[in-house]
Amino acid sequence: VDDLIDGEAQIFKVGPYEVYVVYADGQLRVYYGRCPHACCVLAPSDFDGRKIVCNMHQWEFDAFTGEGLNPRGARLFALEHEIRDGVLYVKVPDVPVAEFKEKWFKMYEGL
């Protein structure tokens, strides 16, 4: 956690999953590191301090809630996490990535 910089985002690999960590205004948020639109990997540079904008198709998300700003109805997949002894622990889905993507991203067809 000491390596996180307030106002920035970082992406990490946890097993086969990309994990997108946002740290701003003293708040920590952790999301699956892919945009729900076309499954593009979110980049740390996609975060401007308040919102996350996917660099592929410019879908926008509130960084603190994960809710879609453009388009509405979309959302980032929040991951459970906790900090113990200064270390960030993240729980990723317990299914293979391909299965998770099929279930999670299918809900956005037609948006």
C-alpha atoms as a PDB file:
ATOM      1  CA  VAL A   1       0.000   0.000   0.000  1.00  0.00           C
ATOM      2  CA  ASP A   2       2.915   2.360   0.670  1.00  0.00           C
ATOM      3  CA  ASP A   3       3.787   2.153  -3.042  1.00  0.00           C
ATOM      4  CA  LEU A   4       0.405   3.573  -4.101  1.00  0.00           C
ATOM      5  CA  ILE A   5       0.386   7.278  -4.962  1.00  0.00           C
ATOM      6  CA  ASP A   6      -2.658   9.380  -4.106  1.00  0.00           C
ATOM      7  CA  GLY A   7      -4.338  10.527  -7.307  1.00  0.00           C
ATOM      8  CA  GLU A   8      -3.064   7.679  -9.441  1.00  0.00           C
ATOM      9  CA  ALA A   9      -4.129   4.240 -10.620  1.00  0.00           C
ATOM     10  CA  GLN A  10      -2.065   1.115 -11.092  1.00  0.00           C
ATOM     11  CA  ILE A  11      -2.700  -2.251 -12.669  1.00  0.00           C
ATOM     12  CA  PHE A  12      -1.438  -5.535 -11.254  1.00  0.00           C
ATOM     13  CA  LYS A  13      -1.711  -9.192 -12.202  1.00  0.00           C
ATOM     14  CA  VAL A  14      -3.270 -11.485  -9.591  1.00  0.00           C
ATOM     15  CA  GLY A  15      -3.054 -14.941 -11.066  1.00  0.00           C
ATOM     16  CA  PRO A  16      -4.563 -14.649 -14.552  1.00  0.00           C
ATOM     17  CA  TYR A  17      -6.618 -11.538 -13.654  1.00  0.00           C
ATOM     18  CA  GLU A  18      -5.758  -7.889 -14.229  1.00  0.00           C
ATOM     19  CA  VAL A  19      -6.538  -5.820 -11.148  1.00  0.00           C
ATOM     20  CA  TYR A  20      -7.057  -2.054 -11.461  1.00  0.00           C
ATOM     21  CA  VAL A  21      -6.300  -0.155  -8.250  1.00  0.00           C
ATOM     22  CA  VAL A  22      -7.425   3.456  -7.857  1.00  0.00           C
ATOM     23  CA  TYR A  23      -6.140   5.511  -4.942  1.00  0.00           C
ATOM     24  CA  ALA A  24      -7.457   9.058  -4.644  1.00  0.00           C
ATOM     25  CA  ASP A  25      -8.522  11.368  -1.851  1.00  0.00           C
ATOM     26  CA  GLY A  26      -7.339   8.741   0.621  1.00  0.00           C
ATOM     27  CA  GLN A  27      -9.812   6.199  -0.795  1.00  0.00           C
ATOM     28  CA  LEU A  28      -8.839   2.884  -2.322  1.00  0.00           C
ATOM     29  CA  ARG A  29     -10.981   1.164  -4.951  1.00  0.00           C
ATOM     30  CA  VAL A  30     -10.181  -2.115  -6.696  1.00  0.00           C
ATOM     31  CA  TYR A  31     -11.758  -3.297  -9.952  1.00  0.00           C
ATOM     32  CA  TYR A  32     -11.290  -6.024 -12.514  1.00  0.00           C
ATOM     33  CA  GLY A  33      -8.852  -4.344 -14.895  1.00  0.00           C
ATOM     34  CA  ARG A  34     -10.911  -4.573 -18.075  1.00  0.00           C
ATOM     35  CA  CYS A  35     -13.590  -2.349 -19.531  1.00  0.00           C
ATOM     36  CA  PRO A  36     -16.983  -4.080 -19.710  1.00  0.00           C
ATOM     37  CA  HIS A  37     -17.516  -2.870 -23.269  1.00  0.00           C
ATOM     38  CA  ALA A  38     -14.933  -4.709 -25.344  1.00  0.00           C
ATOM     39  CA  CYS A  39     -12.858  -6.332 -22.621  1.00  0.00           C
ATOM     40  CA  CYS A  40      -9.964  -3.914 -23.196  1.00  0.00           C
ATOM     41  CA  VAL A  41      -7.352  -3.656 -20.475  1.00  0.00           C
ATOM     42  CA  LEU A  42      -7.657  -0.412 -18.534  1.00  0.00           C
ATOM     43  CA  ALA A  43      -4.414   1.535 -18.258  1.00  0.00           C
ATOM     44  CA  PRO A  44      -3.249   3.618 -15.288  1.00  0.00           C
ATOM     45  CA  SER A  45      -3.297   6.629 -17.630  1.00  0.00           C
ATOM     46  CA  ASP A  46      -7.072   6.136 -18.061  1.00  0.00           C
ATOM     47  CA  PHE A  47      -7.621   7.667 -14.580  1.00  0.00           C
ATOM     48  CA  ASP A  48      -7.824  11.455 -14.220  1.00  0.00           C
ATOM     49  CA  GLY A  49      -8.363  11.607 -10.470  1.00  0.00           C
ATOM     50  CA  ARG A  50     -12.164  11.387 -10.613  1.00  0.00           C
ATOM     51  CA  LYS A  51     -13.140   9.166 -13.511  1.00  0.00           C
ATOM     52  CA  ILE A  52     -11.758   6.270 -15.486  1.00  0.00           C
ATOM     53  CA  VAL A  53     -11.985   6.591 -19.271  1.00  0.00           C
ATOM     54  CA  CYS A  54     -11.236   3.482 -21.317  1.00  0.00           C
ATOM     55  CA  ASN A  55      -8.727   4.498 -23.955  1.00  0.00           C
ATOM     56  CA  MET A  56     -10.195   2.127 -26.559  1.00  0.00           C
ATOM     57  CA  HIS A  57     -13.758   3.495 -26.969  1.00  0.00           C
ATOM     58  CA  GLN A  58     -13.918   6.256 -24.318  1.00  0.00           C
ATOM     59  CA  TRP A  59     -16.450   4.614 -22.010  1.00  0.00           C
ATOM     60  CA  GLU A  60     -16.395   6.580 -18.733  1.00  0.00           C
ATOM     61  CA  PHE A  61     -16.760   5.341 -15.151  1.00  0.00           C
ATOM     62  CA  ASP A  62     -16.914   7.011 -11.758  1.00  0.00           C
ATOM     63  CA  ALA A  63     -13.639   5.967 -10.132  1.00  0.00           C
ATOM     64  CA  PHE A  64     -15.156   5.810  -6.639  1.00  0.00           C
ATOM     65  CA  THR A  65     -18.282   3.776  -7.431  1.00  0.00           C
ATOM     66  CA  GLY A  66     -17.428   2.005 -10.693  1.00  0.00           C
ATOM     67  CA  GLU A  67     -20.760   3.190 -12.149  1.00  0.00           C
ATOM     68  CA  GLY A  68     -20.935   4.033 -15.838  1.00  0.00           C
ATOM     69  CA  LEU A  69     -21.100   7.734 -16.643  1.00  0.00           C
ATOM     70  CA  ASN A  70     -21.117   7.201 -20.394  1.00  0.00           C
ATOM     71  CA  PRO A  71     -22.964   5.015 -21.081  1.00  0.00           C
ATOM     72  CA  ARG A  72     -25.177   4.777 -18.047  1.00  0.00           C
ATOM     73  CA  GLY A  73     -26.034   1.236 -16.987  1.00  0.00           C
ATOM     74  CA  ALA A  74     -22.505  -0.082 -17.407  1.00  0.00           C
ATOM     75  CA  ARG A  75     -20.199  -0.567 -14.439  1.00  0.00           C
ATOM     76  CA  LEU A  76     -16.769  -1.817 -13.544  1.00  0.00           C
ATOM     77  CA  PHE A  77     -16.554  -5.102 -11.676  1.00  0.00           C
ATOM     78  CA  ALA A  78     -15.514  -4.278  -8.102  1.00  0.00           C
ATOM     79  CA  LEU A  79     -13.230  -6.749  -6.372  1.00  0.00           C
ATOM     80  CA  GLU A  80     -13.259  -7.505  -2.665  1.00  0.00           C
ATOM     81  CA  HIS A  81     -10.094  -6.369  -0.963  1.00  0.00           C
ATOM     82  CA  GLU A  82      -8.574  -5.657   2.398  1.00  0.00           C
ATOM     83  CA  ILE A  83      -5.412  -4.160   3.788  1.00  0.00           C
ATOM     84  CA  ARG A  84      -3.490  -6.131   6.397  1.00  0.00           C
ATOM     85  CA  ASP A  85      -0.183  -4.976   7.808  1.00  0.00           C
ATOM     86  CA  GLY A  86       0.249  -2.493   4.950  1.00  0.00           C
ATOM     87  CA  VAL A  87      -0.359  -5.114   2.244  1.00  0.00           C
ATOM     88  CA  LEU A  88      -3.311  -5.015  -0.159  1.00  0.00           C
ATOM     89  CA  TYR A  89      -5.040  -8.380  -0.569  1.00  0.00           C
ATOM     90  CA  VAL A  90      -7.483  -8.788  -3.458  1.00  0.00           C
ATOM     91  CA  LYS A  91      -9.999 -11.571  -3.987  1.00  0.00           C
ATOM     92  CA  VAL A  92     -10.332 -12.448  -7.662  1.00  0.00           C
ATOM     93  CA  PRO A  93     -13.112 -14.653  -9.049  1.00  0.00           C
ATOM     94  CA  ASP A  94     -12.582 -18.362  -8.437  1.00  0.00           C
ATOM     95  CA  VAL A  95     -13.451 -19.322 -12.002  1.00  0.00           C
ATOM     96  CA  PRO A  96     -11.203 -19.402 -15.061  1.00  0.00           C
ATOM     97  CA  VAL A  97     -10.796 -15.995 -16.728  1.00  0.00           C
ATOM     98  CA  ALA A  98     -12.524 -17.153 -19.927  1.00  0.00           C
ATOM     99  CA  GLU A  99     -15.605 -18.258 -17.966  1.00  0.00           C
ATOM    100  CA  PHE A 100     -15.681 -15.035 -15.968  1.00  0.00           C
ATOM    101  CA  LYS A 101     -15.395 -12.885 -19.096  1.00  0.00           C
ATOM    102  CA  GLU A 102     -18.165 -14.793 -20.839  1.00  0.00           C
ATOM    103  CA  LYS A 103     -20.572 -14.313 -17.925  1.00  0.00           C
ATOM    104  CA  TRP A 104     -19.605 -10.747 -16.979  1.00  0.00           C
ATOM    105  CA  PHE A 105     -19.256  -9.169 -20.416  1.00  0.00           C
ATOM    106  CA  LYS A 106     -22.278 -10.881 -21.954  1.00  0.00           C
ATOM    107  CA  MET A 107     -24.527  -8.632 -19.857  1.00  0.00           C
ATOM    108  CA  TYR A 108     -23.328  -5.606 -21.857  1.00  0.00           C
ATOM    109  CA  GLU A 109     -24.355  -6.838 -25.284  1.00  0.00           C
ATOM    110  CA  GLY A 110     -26.486  -4.204 -26.930  1.00  0.00           C
ATOM    111  CA  LEU A 111     -25.312  -1.238 -24.831  1.00  0.00           C
END
